[in-house]
Amino acid sequence: MTELWIAHHSIGTWQEPSRWTGYFEEAQRLLGFSLTHLDVNDPVKRKVVSLVGAGDFVCAFKAREDSRWLFGKFGDIGIELSVQHYRQLGHYPNTLKWHVPLSFIEKPENRLRIKALFDLGNRAFKPFYAYSDDVAQIASKKKSFGAVDIQAELLGVFWLTYFNAAYVAFFGNQKFDGLPGVERGNEGSITIVLGDSPQSVTCEAREQAVAALGKQSFVNPSDVLGKQRGRFALTFQQLLA
């Protein structure tokens, strides 16, 4: 394992600077490190002067800009993030992704910080689907013939996985009853925690969770036929209904 990812996918609007400022403030508190750089270029060079300014920068769409893609860096500890969000709902969801090095998550207390950061993102950005795991586990879902269409199938069930209320209803609430580490949110969402760390979770445990919810709703990298949008996963319009 070389890196851990956290990803949040949402169809909600992410264009409120105050939301980002508050999120960065809480992320700094949880991680114990400051957001030092935020840029539209990678590698990042633009330094963060204030978190209010950082929130404004995330939402600073230019007149003819339909999407905004940014990269952030937390000090010298190797934790980075990327944000891709859109002016209007289209073919792709808004996505927030964190990259966390192995050296950080080896410590049990830091894994608790990562779980808290995962929960924070789910509260702040209201994703329909979010997950965190060893990058190798996530990359294993990559399809050989094209990108995954998240309106046709989801990636998988990972170390940490979040489904919003619409997806809980889609799968059926009862299907979650036999899964390990189920945490139910007040708004009807469910977070699955398969173990204390990514390393403690077997591939079999991940696949058993996928099977319990329904294999057809998740990526099979060897499947070359493709799936119809809205049949095994929710389209953006279905999520909005």
C-alpha atoms as a PDB file:
ATOM      1  CA  MET A   1       0.000   0.000   0.000  1.00  0.00           C
ATOM      2  CA  THR A   2       1.436   3.368  -1.018  1.00  0.00           C
ATOM      3  CA  GLU A   3      -1.475   5.771  -0.639  1.00  0.00           C
ATOM      4  CA  LEU A   4      -5.006   6.062   0.681  1.00  0.00           C
ATOM      5  CA  TRP A   5      -7.735   7.858  -1.228  1.00  0.00           C
ATOM      6  CA  ILE A   6     -10.913   9.523  -0.030  1.00  0.00           C
ATOM      7  CA  ALA A   7     -13.465  10.444  -2.688  1.00  0.00           C
ATOM      8  CA  HIS A   8     -16.816  12.213  -2.410  1.00  0.00           C
ATOM      9  CA  HIS A   9     -19.218  12.416  -5.380  1.00  0.00           C
ATOM     10  CA  SER A  10     -22.105  14.878  -5.260  1.00  0.00           C
ATOM     11  CA  ILE A  11     -24.700  16.517  -7.501  1.00  0.00           C
ATOM     12  CA  GLY A  12     -25.303  19.351  -5.039  1.00  0.00           C
ATOM     13  CA  THR A  13     -24.044  22.859  -5.648  1.00  0.00           C
ATOM     14  CA  TRP A  14     -20.521  23.479  -4.370  1.00  0.00           C
ATOM     15  CA  GLN A  15     -20.334  27.154  -5.260  1.00  0.00           C
ATOM     16  CA  GLU A  16     -20.689  28.715  -1.800  1.00  0.00           C
ATOM     17  CA  PRO A  17     -17.299  30.070  -0.602  1.00  0.00           C
ATOM     18  CA  SER A  18     -18.345  29.942   3.063  1.00  0.00           C
ATOM     19  CA  ARG A  19     -18.950  26.186   2.792  1.00  0.00           C
ATOM     20  CA  TRP A  20     -15.362  25.678   1.636  1.00  0.00           C
ATOM     21  CA  THR A  21     -13.922  28.022   4.237  1.00  0.00           C
ATOM     22  CA  GLY A  22     -15.707  26.151   7.007  1.00  0.00           C
ATOM     23  CA  TYR A  23     -14.642  22.822   5.570  1.00  0.00           C
ATOM     24  CA  PHE A  24     -10.983  23.792   5.357  1.00  0.00           C
ATOM     25  CA  GLU A  25     -11.079  25.127   8.919  1.00  0.00           C
ATOM     26  CA  GLU A  26     -12.448  21.857  10.260  1.00  0.00           C
ATOM     27  CA  ALA A  27     -10.118  19.740   8.096  1.00  0.00           C
ATOM     28  CA  GLN A  28      -7.141  21.641   9.501  1.00  0.00           C
ATOM     29  CA  ARG A  29      -8.360  21.018  13.026  1.00  0.00           C
ATOM     30  CA  LEU A  30      -8.846  17.295  12.412  1.00  0.00           C
ATOM     31  CA  LEU A  31      -5.518  16.743  10.669  1.00  0.00           C
ATOM     32  CA  GLY A  32      -3.438  19.068  12.808  1.00  0.00           C
ATOM     33  CA  PHE A  33      -1.880  20.666   9.719  1.00  0.00           C
ATOM     34  CA  SER A  34      -2.657  23.756   7.658  1.00  0.00           C
ATOM     35  CA  LEU A  35      -3.766  24.084   4.049  1.00  0.00           C
ATOM     36  CA  THR A  36      -0.695  25.777   2.608  1.00  0.00           C
ATOM     37  CA  HIS A  37      -1.309  25.744  -1.157  1.00  0.00           C
ATOM     38  CA  LEU A  38      -4.345  25.870  -3.445  1.00  0.00           C
ATOM     39  CA  ASP A  39      -3.975  26.238  -7.193  1.00  0.00           C
ATOM     40  CA  VAL A  40      -5.508  25.457 -10.574  1.00  0.00           C
ATOM     41  CA  ASN A  41      -2.116  24.078 -11.593  1.00  0.00           C
ATOM     42  CA  ASP A  42      -0.477  20.836 -10.525  1.00  0.00           C
ATOM     43  CA  PRO A  43       2.112  20.896  -9.007  1.00  0.00           C
ATOM     44  CA  VAL A  44       0.672  23.630  -6.857  1.00  0.00           C
ATOM     45  CA  LYS A  45       2.558  26.884  -6.332  1.00  0.00           C
ATOM     46  CA  ARG A  46      -0.099  29.359  -5.190  1.00  0.00           C
ATOM     47  CA  LYS A  47       0.125  29.826  -1.408  1.00  0.00           C
ATOM     48  CA  VAL A  48      -2.916  30.105   0.842  1.00  0.00           C
ATOM     49  CA  VAL A  49      -2.969  33.456   2.646  1.00  0.00           C
ATOM     50  CA  SER A  50      -6.308  32.937   4.418  1.00  0.00           C
ATOM     51  CA  LEU A  51      -9.000  30.274   4.475  1.00  0.00           C
ATOM     52  CA  VAL A  52     -11.610  32.872   3.534  1.00  0.00           C
ATOM     53  CA  GLY A  53      -9.539  33.589   0.442  1.00  0.00           C
ATOM     54  CA  ALA A  54      -9.204  29.854  -0.193  1.00  0.00           C
ATOM     55  CA  GLY A  55     -12.983  29.455  -0.120  1.00  0.00           C
ATOM     56  CA  ASP A  56     -13.372  32.326  -2.566  1.00  0.00           C
ATOM     57  CA  PHE A  57     -10.731  30.836  -4.859  1.00  0.00           C
ATOM     58  CA  VAL A  58     -12.461  27.438  -5.058  1.00  0.00           C
ATOM     59  CA  CYS A  59     -15.627  29.148  -6.297  1.00  0.00           C
ATOM     60  CA  ALA A  60     -14.021  31.757  -8.582  1.00  0.00           C
ATOM     61  CA  PHE A  61     -15.515  30.558 -11.871  1.00  0.00           C
ATOM     62  CA  LYS A  62     -14.503  32.703 -14.812  1.00  0.00           C
ATOM     63  CA  ALA A  63     -17.190  34.111 -17.103  1.00  0.00           C
ATOM     64  CA  ARG A  64     -16.947  31.308 -19.658  1.00  0.00           C
ATOM     65  CA  GLU A  65     -15.789  28.576 -17.301  1.00  0.00           C
ATOM     66  CA  ASP A  66     -18.236  25.676 -16.894  1.00  0.00           C
ATOM     67  CA  SER A  67     -16.030  23.652 -14.535  1.00  0.00           C
ATOM     68  CA  ARG A  68     -13.292  24.351 -12.058  1.00  0.00           C
ATOM     69  CA  TRP A  69     -10.475  21.933 -11.194  1.00  0.00           C
ATOM     70  CA  LEU A  70      -8.177  22.731  -8.284  1.00  0.00           C
ATOM     71  CA  PHE A  71      -5.363  21.121  -6.337  1.00  0.00           C
ATOM     72  CA  GLY A  72      -4.448  21.644  -2.692  1.00  0.00           C
ATOM     73  CA  LYS A  73      -1.596  20.735  -0.383  1.00  0.00           C
ATOM     74  CA  PHE A  74      -1.344  20.450   3.389  1.00  0.00           C
ATOM     75  CA  GLY A  75       2.116  21.496   4.552  1.00  0.00           C
ATOM     76  CA  ASP A  76       4.985  19.078   4.010  1.00  0.00           C
ATOM     77  CA  ILE A  77       3.225  15.920   5.222  1.00  0.00           C
ATOM     78  CA  GLY A  78       2.278  14.756   1.732  1.00  0.00           C
ATOM     79  CA  ILE A  79      -1.498  15.094   2.112  1.00  0.00           C
ATOM     80  CA  GLU A  80      -3.055  16.546  -1.012  1.00  0.00           C
ATOM     81  CA  LEU A  81      -6.555  17.105  -2.356  1.00  0.00           C
ATOM     82  CA  SER A  82      -8.236  17.864  -5.646  1.00  0.00           C
ATOM     83  CA  VAL A  83     -11.613  19.414  -6.395  1.00  0.00           C
ATOM     84  CA  GLN A  84     -13.499  19.224  -9.661  1.00  0.00           C
ATOM     85  CA  HIS A  85     -16.879  20.906  -9.656  1.00  0.00           C
ATOM     86  CA  TYR A  86     -19.277  22.270 -12.225  1.00  0.00           C
ATOM     87  CA  ARG A  87     -21.328  25.404 -12.709  1.00  0.00           C
ATOM     88  CA  GLN A  88     -24.338  23.314 -13.734  1.00  0.00           C
ATOM     89  CA  LEU A  89     -25.285  19.657 -13.395  1.00  0.00           C
ATOM     90  CA  GLY A  90     -24.203  17.694 -16.465  1.00  0.00           C
ATOM     91  CA  HIS A  91     -22.645  14.333 -17.252  1.00  0.00           C
ATOM     92  CA  TYR A  92     -20.242  14.243 -14.311  1.00  0.00           C
ATOM     93  CA  PRO A  93     -20.631  14.684 -10.554  1.00  0.00           C
ATOM     94  CA  ASN A  94     -18.767  17.188  -8.434  1.00  0.00           C
ATOM     95  CA  THR A  95     -15.809  15.332  -6.935  1.00  0.00           C
ATOM     96  CA  LEU A  96     -13.565  15.978  -3.943  1.00  0.00           C
ATOM     97  CA  LYS A  97     -10.618  13.608  -3.645  1.00  0.00           C
ATOM     98  CA  TRP A  98      -7.941  13.311  -0.959  1.00  0.00           C
ATOM     99  CA  HIS A  99      -4.558  11.606  -1.324  1.00  0.00           C
ATOM    100  CA  VAL A 100      -3.026  10.511   1.980  1.00  0.00           C
ATOM    101  CA  PRO A 101       0.423   8.839   2.228  1.00  0.00           C
ATOM    102  CA  LEU A 102       1.062   5.541   3.966  1.00  0.00           C
ATOM    103  CA  SER A 103       3.299   7.191   6.545  1.00  0.00           C
ATOM    104  CA  PHE A 104       0.333   9.143   7.894  1.00  0.00           C
ATOM    105  CA  ILE A 105      -2.218   6.347   8.203  1.00  0.00           C
ATOM    106  CA  GLU A 106       0.104   3.798   9.797  1.00  0.00           C
ATOM    107  CA  LYS A 107      -0.695   5.362  13.188  1.00  0.00           C
ATOM    108  CA  PRO A 108      -4.049   4.329  14.718  1.00  0.00           C
ATOM    109  CA  GLU A 109      -4.809   7.861  15.869  1.00  0.00           C
ATOM    110  CA  ASN A 110      -4.365   9.133  12.330  1.00  0.00           C
ATOM    111  CA  ARG A 111      -6.759   6.529  10.972  1.00  0.00           C
ATOM    112  CA  LEU A 112      -9.323   7.964  13.372  1.00  0.00           C
ATOM    113  CA  ARG A 113      -8.567  11.391  11.902  1.00  0.00           C
ATOM    114  CA  ILE A 114      -9.137  10.017   8.398  1.00  0.00           C
ATOM    115  CA  LYS A 115     -12.496   8.531   9.446  1.00  0.00           C
ATOM    116  CA  ALA A 116     -13.463  11.899  10.954  1.00  0.00           C
ATOM    117  CA  LEU A 117     -12.352  13.648   7.746  1.00  0.00           C
ATOM    118  CA  PHE A 118     -14.468  11.206   5.728  1.00  0.00           C
ATOM    119  CA  ASP A 119     -17.523  11.961   7.889  1.00  0.00           C
ATOM    120  CA  LEU A 120     -16.854  15.702   7.649  1.00  0.00           C
ATOM    121  CA  GLY A 121     -16.881  15.600   3.849  1.00  0.00           C
ATOM    122  CA  ASN A 122     -20.149  13.690   3.860  1.00  0.00           C
ATOM    123  CA  ARG A 123     -21.765  16.275   6.130  1.00  0.00           C
ATOM    124  CA  ALA A 124     -20.348  19.275   4.306  1.00  0.00           C
ATOM    125  CA  PHE A 125     -20.900  18.289   0.680  1.00  0.00           C
ATOM    126  CA  LYS A 126     -23.869  15.890   0.794  1.00  0.00           C
ATOM    127  CA  PRO A 127     -22.488  13.277  -1.623  1.00  0.00           C
ATOM    128  CA  PHE A 128     -24.631  10.482  -2.967  1.00  0.00           C
ATOM    129  CA  TYR A 129     -21.623   8.136  -2.782  1.00  0.00           C
ATOM    130  CA  ALA A 130     -18.241   8.355  -1.067  1.00  0.00           C
ATOM    131  CA  TYR A 131     -15.462   5.902  -0.290  1.00  0.00           C
ATOM    132  CA  SER A 132     -11.957   5.537   1.135  1.00  0.00           C
ATOM    133  CA  ASP A 133      -9.414   2.764   0.716  1.00  0.00           C
ATOM    134  CA  ASP A 134      -5.964   1.679  -0.388  1.00  0.00           C
ATOM    135  CA  VAL A 135      -5.385   3.134  -3.853  1.00  0.00           C
ATOM    136  CA  ALA A 136      -4.683  -0.375  -5.175  1.00  0.00           C
ATOM    137  CA  GLN A 137      -8.177  -1.512  -4.181  1.00  0.00           C
ATOM    138  CA  ILE A 138      -9.786   1.450  -5.929  1.00  0.00           C
ATOM    139  CA  ALA A 139      -7.567   1.177  -8.996  1.00  0.00           C
ATOM    140  CA  SER A 140      -8.497  -2.504  -9.331  1.00  0.00           C
ATOM    141  CA  LYS A 141     -11.963  -1.364 -10.417  1.00  0.00           C
ATOM    142  CA  LYS A 142     -10.605   0.448 -13.460  1.00  0.00           C
ATOM    143  CA  LYS A 143     -12.130  -0.739 -16.713  1.00  0.00           C
ATOM    144  CA  SER A 144      -9.869  -1.624 -19.612  1.00  0.00           C
ATOM    145  CA  PHE A 145     -12.113  -0.034 -22.250  1.00  0.00           C
ATOM    146  CA  GLY A 146     -13.146   3.297 -20.755  1.00  0.00           C
ATOM    147  CA  ALA A 147     -14.136   5.275 -17.703  1.00  0.00           C
ATOM    148  CA  VAL A 148     -16.738   4.104 -15.205  1.00  0.00           C
ATOM    149  CA  ASP A 149     -20.140   5.738 -15.763  1.00  0.00           C
ATOM    150  CA  ILE A 150     -21.295   6.473 -12.224  1.00  0.00           C
ATOM    151  CA  GLN A 151     -24.896   6.816 -13.447  1.00  0.00           C
ATOM    152  CA  ALA A 152     -24.773   3.187 -14.589  1.00  0.00           C
ATOM    153  CA  GLU A 153     -22.661   1.528 -11.872  1.00  0.00           C
ATOM    154  CA  LEU A 154     -20.737   2.399  -8.730  1.00  0.00           C
ATOM    155  CA  LEU A 155     -17.119   1.455  -8.081  1.00  0.00           C
ATOM    156  CA  GLY A 156     -17.506  -0.855  -5.112  1.00  0.00           C
ATOM    157  CA  VAL A 157     -17.705  -1.214  -1.345  1.00  0.00           C
ATOM    158  CA  PHE A 158     -14.429  -0.286   0.295  1.00  0.00           C
ATOM    159  CA  TRP A 159     -12.834   0.171   3.706  1.00  0.00           C
ATOM    160  CA  LEU A 160     -15.130   3.171   4.238  1.00  0.00           C
ATOM    161  CA  THR A 161     -18.217   3.603   2.054  1.00  0.00           C
ATOM    162  CA  TYR A 162     -21.035   6.131   2.266  1.00  0.00           C
ATOM    163  CA  PHE A 163     -24.443   5.959   0.593  1.00  0.00           C
ATOM    164  CA  ASN A 164     -26.981   8.768   0.866  1.00  0.00           C
ATOM    165  CA  ALA A 165     -30.637   8.148   1.718  1.00  0.00           C
ATOM    166  CA  ALA A 166     -31.618   7.791  -1.935  1.00  0.00           C
ATOM    167  CA  TYR A 167     -29.119   4.984  -2.429  1.00  0.00           C
ATOM    168  CA  VAL A 168     -30.099   3.279   0.826  1.00  0.00           C
ATOM    169  CA  ALA A 169     -33.678   3.200  -0.458  1.00  0.00           C
ATOM    170  CA  PHE A 170     -32.503   2.051  -3.891  1.00  0.00           C
ATOM    171  CA  PHE A 171     -30.641  -0.943  -2.489  1.00  0.00           C
ATOM    172  CA  GLY A 172     -33.217  -1.609   0.229  1.00  0.00           C
ATOM    173  CA  ASN A 173     -32.632  -0.791   3.871  1.00  0.00           C
ATOM    174  CA  GLN A 174     -32.774  -4.442   4.897  1.00  0.00           C
ATOM    175  CA  LYS A 175     -29.769  -5.347   2.741  1.00  0.00           C
ATOM    176  CA  PHE A 176     -27.513  -3.364   5.062  1.00  0.00           C
ATOM    177  CA  ASP A 177     -28.613  -5.227   8.198  1.00  0.00           C
ATOM    178  CA  GLY A 178     -26.151  -8.098   7.807  1.00  0.00           C
ATOM    179  CA  LEU A 179     -23.150  -5.984   6.841  1.00  0.00           C
ATOM    180  CA  PRO A 180     -20.365  -5.225   9.355  1.00  0.00           C
ATOM    181  CA  GLY A 181     -19.685  -1.734  10.658  1.00  0.00           C
ATOM    182  CA  VAL A 182     -22.950  -0.106   9.569  1.00  0.00           C
ATOM    183  CA  GLU A 183     -23.418   3.444  10.870  1.00  0.00           C
ATOM    184  CA  ARG A 184     -26.817   5.030  10.196  1.00  0.00           C
ATOM    185  CA  GLY A 185     -27.137   8.786   9.782  1.00  0.00           C
ATOM    186  CA  ASN A 186     -30.085  10.829  10.989  1.00  0.00           C
ATOM    187  CA  GLU A 187     -30.961  11.810   7.425  1.00  0.00           C
ATOM    188  CA  GLY A 188     -31.228   8.187   6.233  1.00  0.00           C
ATOM    189  CA  SER A 189     -27.668   7.748   4.972  1.00  0.00           C
ATOM    190  CA  ILE A 190     -25.462   4.785   5.800  1.00  0.00           C
ATOM    191  CA  THR A 191     -21.700   4.565   6.275  1.00  0.00           C
ATOM    192  CA  ILE A 192     -20.078   1.125   6.144  1.00  0.00           C
ATOM    193  CA  VAL A 193     -16.817   0.644   8.057  1.00  0.00           C
ATOM    194  CA  LEU A 194     -15.372  -2.742   7.136  1.00  0.00           C
ATOM    195  CA  GLY A 195     -12.443  -2.668   9.570  1.00  0.00           C
ATOM    196  CA  ASP A 196     -10.051  -0.654  11.691  1.00  0.00           C
ATOM    197  CA  SER A 197      -7.761  -0.023   8.736  1.00  0.00           C
ATOM    198  CA  PRO A 198      -7.634  -0.777   5.004  1.00  0.00           C
ATOM    199  CA  GLN A 199      -5.015  -3.450   5.693  1.00  0.00           C
ATOM    200  CA  SER A 200      -7.335  -5.257   8.111  1.00  0.00           C
ATOM    201  CA  VAL A 201     -10.034  -5.693   5.448  1.00  0.00           C
ATOM    202  CA  THR A 202      -9.790  -8.710   3.160  1.00  0.00           C
ATOM    203  CA  CYS A 203     -10.720  -8.558  -0.511  1.00  0.00           C
ATOM    204  CA  GLU A 204     -13.309 -11.208   0.308  1.00  0.00           C
ATOM    205  CA  ALA A 205     -14.980  -8.898   2.848  1.00  0.00           C
ATOM    206  CA  ARG A 206     -15.221  -6.137   0.247  1.00  0.00           C
ATOM    207  CA  GLU A 207     -16.733  -8.476  -2.329  1.00  0.00           C
ATOM    208  CA  GLN A 208     -19.155  -9.992   0.191  1.00  0.00           C
ATOM    209  CA  ALA A 209     -20.506  -6.513   0.866  1.00  0.00           C
ATOM    210  CA  VAL A 210     -20.866  -5.910  -2.879  1.00  0.00           C
ATOM    211  CA  ALA A 211     -22.735  -9.204  -3.252  1.00  0.00           C
ATOM    212  CA  ALA A 212     -25.063  -8.360  -0.362  1.00  0.00           C
ATOM    213  CA  LEU A 213     -26.117  -5.101  -1.994  1.00  0.00           C
ATOM    214  CA  GLY A 214     -26.190  -6.489  -5.542  1.00  0.00           C
ATOM    215  CA  LYS A 215     -23.211  -7.213  -7.783  1.00  0.00           C
ATOM    216  CA  GLN A 216     -24.796  -5.667 -10.856  1.00  0.00           C
ATOM    217  CA  SER A 217     -24.740  -2.229  -9.221  1.00  0.00           C
ATOM    218  CA  PHE A 218     -20.951  -2.266  -9.054  1.00  0.00           C
ATOM    219  CA  VAL A 219     -18.086  -2.406 -11.512  1.00  0.00           C
ATOM    220  CA  ASN A 220     -16.867  -5.681 -12.883  1.00  0.00           C
ATOM    221  CA  PRO A 221     -13.627  -4.687 -14.662  1.00  0.00           C
ATOM    222  CA  SER A 222     -13.882  -7.619 -17.050  1.00  0.00           C
ATOM    223  CA  ASP A 223     -17.423  -6.756 -18.183  1.00  0.00           C
ATOM    224  CA  VAL A 224     -17.303  -5.406 -21.741  1.00  0.00           C
ATOM    225  CA  LEU A 225     -21.047  -5.094 -22.348  1.00  0.00           C
ATOM    226  CA  GLY A 226     -21.749  -1.985 -20.291  1.00  0.00           C
ATOM    227  CA  LYS A 227     -24.905  -1.167 -18.364  1.00  0.00           C
ATOM    228  CA  GLN A 228     -27.930   1.009 -18.915  1.00  0.00           C
ATOM    229  CA  ARG A 229     -28.050   4.226 -16.907  1.00  0.00           C
ATOM    230  CA  GLY A 230     -30.600   4.172 -14.108  1.00  0.00           C
ATOM    231  CA  ARG A 231     -31.096   0.400 -14.012  1.00  0.00           C
ATOM    232  CA  PHE A 232     -28.487  -0.730 -11.495  1.00  0.00           C
ATOM    233  CA  ALA A 233     -27.404   2.710 -10.267  1.00  0.00           C
ATOM    234  CA  LEU A 234     -29.216   6.022  -9.936  1.00  0.00           C
ATOM    235  CA  THR A 235     -28.978   8.722 -12.578  1.00  0.00           C
ATOM    236  CA  PHE A 236     -28.488  12.296 -11.459  1.00  0.00           C
ATOM    237  CA  GLN A 237     -32.124  13.033 -12.300  1.00  0.00           C
ATOM    238  CA  GLN A 238     -33.250  10.087 -10.195  1.00  0.00           C
ATOM    239  CA  LEU A 239     -31.132  11.347  -7.307  1.00  0.00           C
ATOM    240  CA  LEU A 240     -32.823  14.741  -7.591  1.00  0.00           C
ATOM    241  CA  ALA A 241     -36.347  13.297  -7.639  1.00  0.00           C
END
